[in-house]
Amino acid sequence: MPSQSVLQSKQAFVEELTEKLKNAECGVIVDYKGITVADDTALRKSLREAGIDYFVVKNTLLKRAAKEAGIEGIEDVLEGTTAIALAKDDIITAPKLLYKQEEDSDGQFSIKKGFVSGKAISKEEVIAYAKLPSKETLLSQLVFMLQSPIQRLAIAISEIEKKQSA
């Protein structure tokens, strides 16, 4: 039977993890088995620079924390080696970085599942998020689309003015 101090530390960890899950807009669960130390270090650095919390977690503790956080549907992938990436604001960056790692690792590193706004999503949906353009790219495309009709109108008015003055 585990000692009282071990149980208390696990309970504290589950409480902390529950809060992290509740505050995360996006989470991606991965199997990191077989990743090299150099690749893991580079991945952790890129995730940290993007403001994403990434850590290895015991399946039983993640299962309890997810249940307490109200996230259902991820229990089926909680076996083997598990790490989780949690993003507070951006739902695209974590899937993008982890999907890139999966592609580069030749099957040694794999995405298991994820969640967005407390709802579980499949591996395929995580990959779909990863393939979306970044927030900055989407905003610039939106600005261009909004600007385009105004620009065309200005050109048309200019051409009309040129015809009338000629």
N, C-alpha and C. Protein backbone atom coordinates (compact mmCIF):
# COMPACT_ATOMS: atom_id res chain seq x y z
N MET A 1 0.84 -1.18 0.00
CA MET A 1 0.00 0.00 0.00
C MET A 1 0.89 1.24 0.00
N PRO A 2 0.60 2.23 -0.89
CA PRO A 2 1.44 3.43 -0.95
C PRO A 2 1.34 4.24 0.34
N SER A 3 2.39 4.94 0.62
CA SER A 3 2.41 5.77 1.83
C SER A 3 1.47 6.96 1.68
N GLN A 4 1.13 7.54 2.80
CA GLN A 4 0.21 8.68 2.82
C GLN A 4 0.79 9.87 2.04
N SER A 5 2.09 10.09 2.16
CA SER A 5 2.71 11.23 1.46
C SER A 5 2.67 11.05 -0.06
N VAL A 6 2.83 9.80 -0.51
CA VAL A 6 2.76 9.52 -1.95
C VAL A 6 1.35 9.79 -2.45
N LEU A 7 0.35 9.32 -1.71
CA LEU A 7 -1.03 9.55 -2.09
C LEU A 7 -1.36 11.04 -2.13
N GLN A 8 -0.88 11.78 -1.15
CA GLN A 8 -1.14 13.22 -1.11
C GLN A 8 -0.48 13.93 -2.28
N SER A 9 0.74 13.52 -2.63
CA SER A 9 1.41 14.17 -3.76
C SER A 9 0.69 13.86 -5.08
N LYS A 10 0.17 12.63 -5.21
CA LYS A 10 -0.58 12.27 -6.42
C LYS A 10 -1.89 13.05 -6.48
N GLN A 11 -2.57 13.20 -5.35
CA GLN A 11 -3.81 13.97 -5.31
C GLN A 11 -3.55 15.43 -5.67
N ALA A 12 -2.45 15.98 -5.16
CA ALA A 12 -2.10 17.36 -5.48
C ALA A 12 -1.80 17.50 -6.98
N PHE A 13 -1.12 16.51 -7.54
CA PHE A 13 -0.81 16.55 -8.97
C PHE A 13 -2.09 16.49 -9.80
N VAL A 14 -3.02 15.62 -9.41
CA VAL A 14 -4.28 15.49 -10.14
C VAL A 14 -5.06 16.80 -10.06
N GLU A 15 -5.07 17.44 -8.91
CA GLU A 15 -5.76 18.73 -8.77
C GLU A 15 -5.13 19.79 -9.67
N GLU A 16 -3.81 19.83 -9.69
CA GLU A 16 -3.09 20.79 -10.53
C GLU A 16 -3.35 20.51 -12.01
N LEU A 17 -3.30 19.23 -12.38
CA LEU A 17 -3.54 18.84 -13.77
C LEU A 17 -4.99 19.14 -14.18
N THR A 18 -5.92 18.94 -13.27
CA THR A 18 -7.34 19.25 -13.54
C THR A 18 -7.49 20.73 -13.87
N GLU A 19 -6.84 21.59 -13.11
CA GLU A 19 -6.90 23.03 -13.37
C GLU A 19 -6.29 23.37 -14.73
N LYS A 20 -5.15 22.74 -15.03
CA LYS A 20 -4.52 22.98 -16.33
C LYS A 20 -5.43 22.57 -17.48
N LEU A 21 -6.10 21.43 -17.31
CA LEU A 21 -7.01 20.95 -18.35
C LEU A 21 -8.21 21.88 -18.51
N LYS A 22 -8.74 22.36 -17.40
CA LYS A 22 -9.88 23.27 -17.44
C LYS A 22 -9.51 24.59 -18.12
N ASN A 23 -8.27 25.06 -17.90
CA ASN A 23 -7.83 26.35 -18.44
C ASN A 23 -7.30 26.24 -19.87
N ALA A 24 -7.10 25.02 -20.36
CA ALA A 24 -6.56 24.83 -21.70
C ALA A 24 -7.67 24.90 -22.74
N GLU A 25 -7.41 25.64 -23.78
CA GLU A 25 -8.34 25.71 -24.91
C GLU A 25 -8.16 24.49 -25.80
N CYS A 26 -6.93 23.96 -25.80
CA CYS A 26 -6.59 22.84 -26.67
C CYS A 26 -5.60 21.92 -25.96
N GLY A 27 -5.73 20.64 -26.18
CA GLY A 27 -4.78 19.67 -25.66
C GLY A 27 -4.55 18.58 -26.69
N VAL A 28 -3.31 18.11 -26.76
CA VAL A 28 -2.97 17.03 -27.69
C VAL A 28 -2.23 15.96 -26.89
N ILE A 29 -2.74 14.74 -26.96
CA ILE A 29 -2.14 13.60 -26.26
C ILE A 29 -1.30 12.83 -27.27
N VAL A 30 -0.06 12.53 -26.90
CA VAL A 30 0.86 11.87 -27.83
C VAL A 30 1.52 10.65 -27.18
N ASP A 31 2.02 9.77 -28.04
CA ASP A 31 2.84 8.64 -27.63
C ASP A 31 4.26 9.00 -28.05
N TYR A 32 5.12 9.20 -27.08
CA TYR A 32 6.47 9.68 -27.37
C TYR A 32 7.50 8.55 -27.46
N LYS A 33 7.05 7.31 -27.41
CA LYS A 33 7.94 6.16 -27.40
C LYS A 33 8.86 6.18 -28.62
N GLY A 34 10.15 6.06 -28.38
CA GLY A 34 11.11 5.96 -29.47
C GLY A 34 11.69 7.28 -29.94
N ILE A 35 11.23 8.42 -29.43
CA ILE A 35 11.77 9.70 -29.84
C ILE A 35 13.17 9.86 -29.23
N THR A 36 14.09 10.39 -30.00
CA THR A 36 15.45 10.58 -29.50
C THR A 36 15.49 11.75 -28.52
N VAL A 37 16.52 11.77 -27.70
CA VAL A 37 16.68 12.85 -26.72
C VAL A 37 16.83 14.18 -27.44
N ALA A 38 17.58 14.20 -28.52
CA ALA A 38 17.79 15.45 -29.27
C ALA A 38 16.47 15.95 -29.85
N ASP A 39 15.69 15.05 -30.42
CA ASP A 39 14.39 15.44 -30.99
C ASP A 39 13.44 15.91 -29.89
N ASP A 40 13.45 15.20 -28.76
CA ASP A 40 12.58 15.58 -27.64
C ASP A 40 12.96 16.96 -27.11
N THR A 41 14.24 17.21 -26.99
CA THR A 41 14.70 18.52 -26.51
C THR A 41 14.29 19.63 -27.47
N ALA A 42 14.44 19.40 -28.76
CA ALA A 42 14.05 20.40 -29.77
C ALA A 42 12.54 20.62 -29.74
N LEU A 43 11.77 19.54 -29.61
CA LEU A 43 10.31 19.65 -29.55
C LEU A 43 9.88 20.44 -28.32
N ARG A 44 10.45 20.10 -27.17
CA ARG A 44 10.10 20.81 -25.93
C ARG A 44 10.44 22.30 -26.04
N LYS A 45 11.57 22.61 -26.67
CA LYS A 45 11.97 24.01 -26.83
C LYS A 45 10.98 24.76 -27.71
N SER A 46 10.60 24.16 -28.84
CA SER A 46 9.67 24.84 -29.75
C SER A 46 8.29 25.01 -29.10
N LEU A 47 7.84 24.02 -28.33
CA LEU A 47 6.56 24.13 -27.64
C LEU A 47 6.62 25.20 -26.56
N ARG A 48 7.71 25.23 -25.81
CA ARG A 48 7.88 26.23 -24.74
C ARG A 48 7.89 27.64 -25.33
N GLU A 49 8.59 27.83 -26.45
CA GLU A 49 8.64 29.14 -27.10
C GLU A 49 7.27 29.59 -27.59
N ALA A 50 6.41 28.61 -27.92
CA ALA A 50 5.06 28.92 -28.40
C ALA A 50 4.08 29.08 -27.23
N GLY A 51 4.57 28.93 -25.99
CA GLY A 51 3.71 29.09 -24.83
C GLY A 51 2.84 27.87 -24.55
N ILE A 52 3.30 26.72 -24.99
CA ILE A 52 2.54 25.48 -24.81
C ILE A 52 3.18 24.65 -23.71
N ASP A 53 2.37 24.19 -22.78
CA ASP A 53 2.82 23.36 -21.66
C ASP A 53 2.84 21.91 -22.12
N TYR A 54 4.02 21.27 -22.08
CA TYR A 54 4.17 19.90 -22.55
C TYR A 54 4.88 19.08 -21.49
N PHE A 55 4.31 17.94 -21.14
CA PHE A 55 4.92 17.10 -20.11
C PHE A 55 4.43 15.66 -20.23
N VAL A 56 5.24 14.76 -19.68
CA VAL A 56 4.88 13.34 -19.61
C VAL A 56 3.96 13.18 -18.42
N VAL A 57 2.96 12.30 -18.57
CA VAL A 57 1.98 12.11 -17.50
C VAL A 57 1.60 10.63 -17.41
N LYS A 58 1.31 10.19 -16.20
CA LYS A 58 0.83 8.82 -16.01
C LYS A 58 -0.61 8.74 -16.49
N ASN A 59 -0.92 7.66 -17.16
CA ASN A 59 -2.25 7.49 -17.73
C ASN A 59 -3.36 7.55 -16.68
N THR A 60 -3.16 6.89 -15.56
CA THR A 60 -4.20 6.88 -14.52
C THR A 60 -4.46 8.27 -13.96
N LEU A 61 -3.40 9.05 -13.80
CA LEU A 61 -3.56 10.40 -13.26
C LEU A 61 -4.25 11.31 -14.28
N LEU A 62 -3.89 11.17 -15.56
CA LEU A 62 -4.53 11.96 -16.61
C LEU A 62 -6.00 11.58 -16.74
N LYS A 63 -6.30 10.29 -16.60
CA LYS A 63 -7.68 9.82 -16.68
C LYS A 63 -8.53 10.46 -15.57
N ARG A 64 -7.99 10.48 -14.36
CA ARG A 64 -8.72 11.09 -13.23
C ARG A 64 -8.89 12.59 -13.42
N ALA A 65 -7.83 13.26 -13.83
CA ALA A 65 -7.88 14.71 -14.01
C ALA A 65 -8.86 15.08 -15.14
N ALA A 66 -8.85 14.32 -16.22
CA ALA A 66 -9.76 14.59 -17.34
C ALA A 66 -11.21 14.41 -16.90
N LYS A 67 -11.46 13.38 -16.11
CA LYS A 67 -12.82 13.15 -15.61
C LYS A 67 -13.27 14.32 -14.74
N GLU A 68 -12.39 14.78 -13.85
CA GLU A 68 -12.72 15.91 -12.98
C GLU A 68 -12.88 17.20 -13.77
N ALA A 69 -12.15 17.34 -14.89
CA ALA A 69 -12.23 18.54 -15.72
C ALA A 69 -13.42 18.48 -16.68
N GLY A 70 -14.09 17.34 -16.74
CA GLY A 70 -15.26 17.21 -17.61
C GLY A 70 -14.92 16.88 -19.05
N ILE A 71 -13.73 16.36 -19.28
CA ILE A 71 -13.31 15.98 -20.64
C ILE A 71 -13.52 14.48 -20.79
N GLU A 72 -14.47 14.10 -21.62
CA GLU A 72 -14.78 12.69 -21.83
C GLU A 72 -14.37 12.27 -23.22
N GLY A 73 -14.03 10.99 -23.36
CA GLY A 73 -13.73 10.46 -24.69
C GLY A 73 -12.25 10.29 -24.99
N ILE A 74 -11.38 10.53 -24.00
CA ILE A 74 -9.95 10.35 -24.25
C ILE A 74 -9.41 9.10 -23.54
N GLU A 75 -10.24 8.46 -22.73
CA GLU A 75 -9.79 7.32 -21.91
C GLU A 75 -9.25 6.18 -22.75
N ASP A 76 -9.80 5.98 -23.95
CA ASP A 76 -9.42 4.84 -24.77
C ASP A 76 -7.98 4.90 -25.27
N VAL A 77 -7.34 6.05 -25.25
CA VAL A 77 -5.95 6.15 -25.73
C VAL A 77 -4.95 6.26 -24.58
N LEU A 78 -5.43 6.20 -23.37
CA LEU A 78 -4.54 6.36 -22.21
C LEU A 78 -3.92 5.02 -21.81
N GLU A 79 -2.97 4.61 -22.63
CA GLU A 79 -2.18 3.40 -22.36
C GLU A 79 -0.83 3.60 -23.02
N GLY A 80 0.15 2.88 -22.52
CA GLY A 80 1.50 3.04 -23.04
C GLY A 80 2.11 4.35 -22.58
N THR A 81 3.10 4.82 -23.33
CA THR A 81 3.76 6.08 -22.97
C THR A 81 2.88 7.26 -23.41
N THR A 82 2.69 8.21 -22.50
CA THR A 82 1.79 9.32 -22.79
C THR A 82 2.40 10.64 -22.34
N ALA A 83 2.30 11.61 -23.23
CA ALA A 83 2.65 13.00 -22.91
C ALA A 83 1.50 13.85 -23.42
N ILE A 84 1.38 15.04 -22.85
CA ILE A 84 0.28 15.92 -23.25
C ILE A 84 0.81 17.33 -23.46
N ALA A 85 0.29 17.99 -24.46
CA ALA A 85 0.60 19.39 -24.74
C ALA A 85 -0.68 20.19 -24.52
N LEU A 86 -0.59 21.24 -23.71
CA LEU A 86 -1.76 22.07 -23.39
C LEU A 86 -1.51 23.51 -23.81
N ALA A 87 -2.46 24.06 -24.56
CA ALA A 87 -2.37 25.44 -25.01
C ALA A 87 -3.55 26.22 -24.44
N LYS A 88 -3.26 27.37 -23.85
CA LYS A 88 -4.32 28.17 -23.22
C LYS A 88 -5.15 28.94 -24.22
N ASP A 89 -4.54 29.43 -25.30
CA ASP A 89 -5.26 30.30 -26.23
C ASP A 89 -5.35 29.74 -27.64
N ASP A 90 -4.23 29.35 -28.18
CA ASP A 90 -4.12 28.98 -29.58
C ASP A 90 -4.43 27.50 -29.79
N ILE A 91 -5.39 27.20 -30.66
CA ILE A 91 -5.74 25.80 -30.88
C ILE A 91 -5.06 25.21 -32.12
N ILE A 92 -4.18 25.95 -32.75
CA ILE A 92 -3.54 25.47 -33.97
C ILE A 92 -2.06 25.13 -33.76
N THR A 93 -1.36 25.90 -32.95
CA THR A 93 0.09 25.75 -32.82
C THR A 93 0.50 24.39 -32.26
N ALA A 94 -0.12 23.94 -31.18
CA ALA A 94 0.25 22.64 -30.59
C ALA A 94 0.04 21.50 -31.59
N PRO A 95 -1.13 21.39 -32.20
CA PRO A 95 -1.29 20.31 -33.20
C PRO A 95 -0.27 20.42 -34.34
N LYS A 96 0.01 21.65 -34.78
CA LYS A 96 0.94 21.87 -35.88
C LYS A 96 2.35 21.37 -35.52
N LEU A 97 2.86 21.76 -34.35
CA LEU A 97 4.21 21.36 -33.93
C LEU A 97 4.30 19.86 -33.69
N LEU A 98 3.27 19.29 -33.06
CA LEU A 98 3.30 17.86 -32.77
C LEU A 98 3.11 17.02 -34.03
N TYR A 99 2.31 17.50 -34.97
CA TYR A 99 2.13 16.79 -36.23
C TYR A 99 3.43 16.80 -37.04
N LYS A 100 4.13 17.92 -37.02
CA LYS A 100 5.43 18.01 -37.69
C LYS A 100 6.40 16.99 -37.09
N GLN A 101 6.39 16.89 -35.76
CA GLN A 101 7.25 15.91 -35.09
C GLN A 101 6.87 14.49 -35.49
N GLU A 102 5.57 14.23 -35.58
CA GLU A 102 5.11 12.90 -35.99
C GLU A 102 5.59 12.57 -37.40
N GLU A 103 5.49 13.52 -38.31
CA GLU A 103 5.93 13.31 -39.69
C GLU A 103 7.44 13.06 -39.76
N ASP A 104 8.20 13.81 -38.96
CA ASP A 104 9.66 13.71 -38.99
C ASP A 104 10.21 12.46 -38.30
N SER A 105 9.39 11.81 -37.46
CA SER A 105 9.91 10.72 -36.63
C SER A 105 9.75 9.33 -37.24
N ASP A 106 9.16 9.22 -38.40
CA ASP A 106 8.97 7.92 -39.06
C ASP A 106 8.29 6.90 -38.15
N GLY A 107 7.19 7.30 -37.51
CA GLY A 107 6.41 6.38 -36.70
C GLY A 107 6.87 6.20 -35.27
N GLN A 108 7.94 6.86 -34.89
CA GLN A 108 8.44 6.73 -33.52
C GLN A 108 7.65 7.59 -32.53
N PHE A 109 7.01 8.61 -33.02
CA PHE A 109 6.26 9.57 -32.21
C PHE A 109 4.90 9.69 -32.86
N SER A 110 3.83 9.56 -32.07
CA SER A 110 2.52 9.62 -32.72
C SER A 110 1.48 10.35 -31.86
N ILE A 111 0.60 11.02 -32.55
CA ILE A 111 -0.53 11.69 -31.91
C ILE A 111 -1.57 10.63 -31.61
N LYS A 112 -2.10 10.66 -30.37
CA LYS A 112 -3.14 9.70 -29.99
C LYS A 112 -4.53 10.31 -30.17
N LYS A 113 -4.72 11.48 -29.60
CA LYS A 113 -6.03 12.13 -29.59
C LYS A 113 -5.83 13.55 -29.08
N GLY A 114 -6.89 14.31 -29.02
CA GLY A 114 -6.80 15.66 -28.49
C GLY A 114 -8.14 16.13 -27.96
N PHE A 115 -8.17 17.38 -27.55
CA PHE A 115 -9.44 17.99 -27.17
C PHE A 115 -9.37 19.48 -27.46
N VAL A 116 -10.53 20.05 -27.75
CA VAL A 116 -10.66 21.48 -27.99
C VAL A 116 -11.88 21.95 -27.20
N SER A 117 -11.69 22.96 -26.39
CA SER A 117 -12.77 23.52 -25.55
C SER A 117 -13.47 22.44 -24.73
N GLY A 118 -12.69 21.50 -24.20
CA GLY A 118 -13.24 20.47 -23.33
C GLY A 118 -13.89 19.30 -24.03
N LYS A 119 -13.88 19.28 -25.36
CA LYS A 119 -14.50 18.19 -26.12
C LYS A 119 -13.40 17.39 -26.83
N ALA A 120 -13.45 16.07 -26.66
CA ALA A 120 -12.46 15.20 -27.28
C ALA A 120 -12.56 15.24 -28.79
N ILE A 121 -11.40 15.19 -29.45
CA ILE A 121 -11.36 15.11 -30.91
C ILE A 121 -10.42 13.98 -31.31
N SER A 122 -10.67 13.38 -32.45
CA SER A 122 -9.88 12.25 -32.92
C SER A 122 -8.50 12.70 -33.42
N LYS A 123 -7.65 11.73 -33.65
CA LYS A 123 -6.33 12.01 -34.21
C LYS A 123 -6.46 12.73 -35.56
N GLU A 124 -7.43 12.29 -36.36
CA GLU A 124 -7.64 12.90 -37.68
C GLU A 124 -8.03 14.37 -37.54
N GLU A 125 -8.84 14.68 -36.54
CA GLU A 125 -9.23 16.08 -36.33
C GLU A 125 -8.05 16.91 -35.84
N VAL A 126 -7.19 16.32 -35.01
CA VAL A 126 -5.98 17.03 -34.56
C VAL A 126 -5.12 17.35 -35.78
N ILE A 127 -4.98 16.39 -36.68
CA ILE A 127 -4.19 16.61 -37.90
C ILE A 127 -4.84 17.67 -38.78
N ALA A 128 -6.17 17.69 -38.83
CA ALA A 128 -6.87 18.73 -39.60
C ALA A 128 -6.56 20.12 -39.02
N TYR A 129 -6.55 20.24 -37.70
CA TYR A 129 -6.16 21.51 -37.07
C TYR A 129 -4.71 21.85 -37.41
N ALA A 130 -3.85 20.84 -37.43
CA ALA A 130 -2.44 21.07 -37.73
C ALA A 130 -2.23 21.61 -39.14
N LYS A 131 -3.10 21.24 -40.05
CA LYS A 131 -2.95 21.65 -41.45
C LYS A 131 -3.58 23.01 -41.73
N LEU A 132 -4.28 23.58 -40.75
CA LEU A 132 -4.83 24.92 -40.92
C LEU A 132 -3.71 25.95 -40.93
N PRO A 133 -3.88 27.05 -41.63
CA PRO A 133 -2.88 28.11 -41.57
C PRO A 133 -2.84 28.73 -40.16
N SER A 134 -1.75 29.39 -39.85
CA SER A 134 -1.63 30.02 -38.53
C SER A 134 -2.63 31.17 -38.39
N LYS A 135 -2.83 31.61 -37.17
CA LYS A 135 -3.77 32.70 -36.89
C LYS A 135 -3.39 33.96 -37.66
N GLU A 136 -2.10 34.26 -37.70
CA GLU A 136 -1.63 35.46 -38.40
C GLU A 136 -1.93 35.36 -39.90
N THR A 137 -1.72 34.17 -40.47
CA THR A 137 -2.00 33.97 -41.89
C THR A 137 -3.49 34.12 -42.18
N LEU A 138 -4.31 33.52 -41.31
CA LEU A 138 -5.76 33.65 -41.50
C LEU A 138 -6.22 35.10 -41.40
N LEU A 139 -5.66 35.85 -40.45
CA LEU A 139 -6.03 37.26 -40.31
C LEU A 139 -5.60 38.07 -41.53
N SER A 140 -4.40 37.80 -42.05
CA SER A 140 -3.95 38.54 -43.22
C SER A 140 -4.80 38.19 -44.45
N GLN A 141 -5.22 36.93 -44.56
CA GLN A 141 -6.10 36.54 -45.66
C GLN A 141 -7.45 37.23 -45.53
N LEU A 142 -7.96 37.35 -44.32
CA LEU A 142 -9.23 38.03 -44.08
C LEU A 142 -9.13 39.51 -44.46
N VAL A 143 -8.06 40.15 -44.04
CA VAL A 143 -7.86 41.56 -44.37
C VAL A 143 -7.79 41.74 -45.88
N PHE A 144 -7.07 40.86 -46.56
CA PHE A 144 -6.97 40.94 -48.02
C PHE A 144 -8.34 40.78 -48.66
N MET A 145 -9.13 39.81 -48.17
CA MET A 145 -10.46 39.58 -48.74
C MET A 145 -11.38 40.78 -48.50
N LEU A 146 -11.26 41.40 -47.34
CA LEU A 146 -12.08 42.58 -47.05
C LEU A 146 -11.63 43.79 -47.86
N GLN A 147 -10.34 43.87 -48.10
CA GLN A 147 -9.76 45.00 -48.82
C GLN A 147 -10.01 44.90 -50.32
N SER A 148 -10.09 43.70 -50.85
CA SER A 148 -10.20 43.48 -52.29
C SER A 148 -11.41 44.17 -52.92
N PRO A 149 -12.63 44.03 -52.41
CA PRO A 149 -13.77 44.72 -53.05
C PRO A 149 -13.63 46.25 -53.02
N ILE A 150 -13.10 46.77 -51.94
CA ILE A 150 -12.91 48.22 -51.82
C ILE A 150 -11.89 48.68 -52.85
N GLN A 151 -10.83 47.91 -53.01
CA GLN A 151 -9.79 48.24 -53.98
C GLN A 151 -10.36 48.20 -55.40
N ARG A 152 -11.18 47.21 -55.70
CA ARG A 152 -11.78 47.09 -57.04
C ARG A 152 -12.74 48.26 -57.30
N LEU A 153 -13.49 48.64 -56.27
CA LEU A 153 -14.39 49.78 -56.41
C LEU A 153 -13.60 51.06 -56.69
N ALA A 154 -12.49 51.24 -55.99
CA ALA A 154 -11.66 52.42 -56.20
C ALA A 154 -11.11 52.44 -57.63
N ILE A 155 -10.70 51.30 -58.14
CA ILE A 155 -10.18 51.21 -59.51
C ILE A 155 -11.29 51.53 -60.51
N ALA A 156 -12.48 50.99 -60.28
CA ALA A 156 -13.61 51.24 -61.18
C ALA A 156 -13.97 52.72 -61.21
N ILE A 157 -14.01 53.37 -60.06
CA ILE A 157 -14.32 54.79 -59.99
C ILE A 157 -13.24 55.60 -60.70
N SER A 158 -12.00 55.20 -60.52
CA SER A 158 -10.87 55.88 -61.18
C SER A 158 -10.99 55.76 -62.70
N GLU A 159 -11.35 54.58 -63.19
CA GLU A 159 -11.50 54.37 -64.63
C GLU A 159 -12.68 55.19 -65.19
N ILE A 160 -13.77 55.25 -64.44
CA ILE A 160 -14.93 56.06 -64.86
C ILE A 160 -14.52 57.52 -64.95
N GLU A 161 -13.78 57.99 -63.97
CA GLU A 161 -13.33 59.37 -63.93
C GLU A 161 -12.41 59.68 -65.13
N LYS A 162 -11.53 58.72 -65.46
CA LYS A 162 -10.63 58.90 -66.60
C LYS A 162 -11.43 59.00 -67.90
N LYS A 163 -12.48 58.19 -68.06
CA LYS A 163 -13.29 58.20 -69.28
C LYS A 163 -14.05 59.51 -69.39
N GLN A 164 -14.56 60.01 -68.27
CA GLN A 164 -15.35 61.25 -68.29
C GLN A 164 -14.46 62.46 -68.57
N SER A 165 -13.24 62.44 -68.09
CA SER A 165 -12.37 63.59 -68.31
C SER A 165 -11.71 63.56 -69.69
N ALA A 166 -11.77 62.44 -70.38
CA ALA A 166 -11.16 62.32 -71.71
C ALA A 166 -12.06 62.78 -72.82
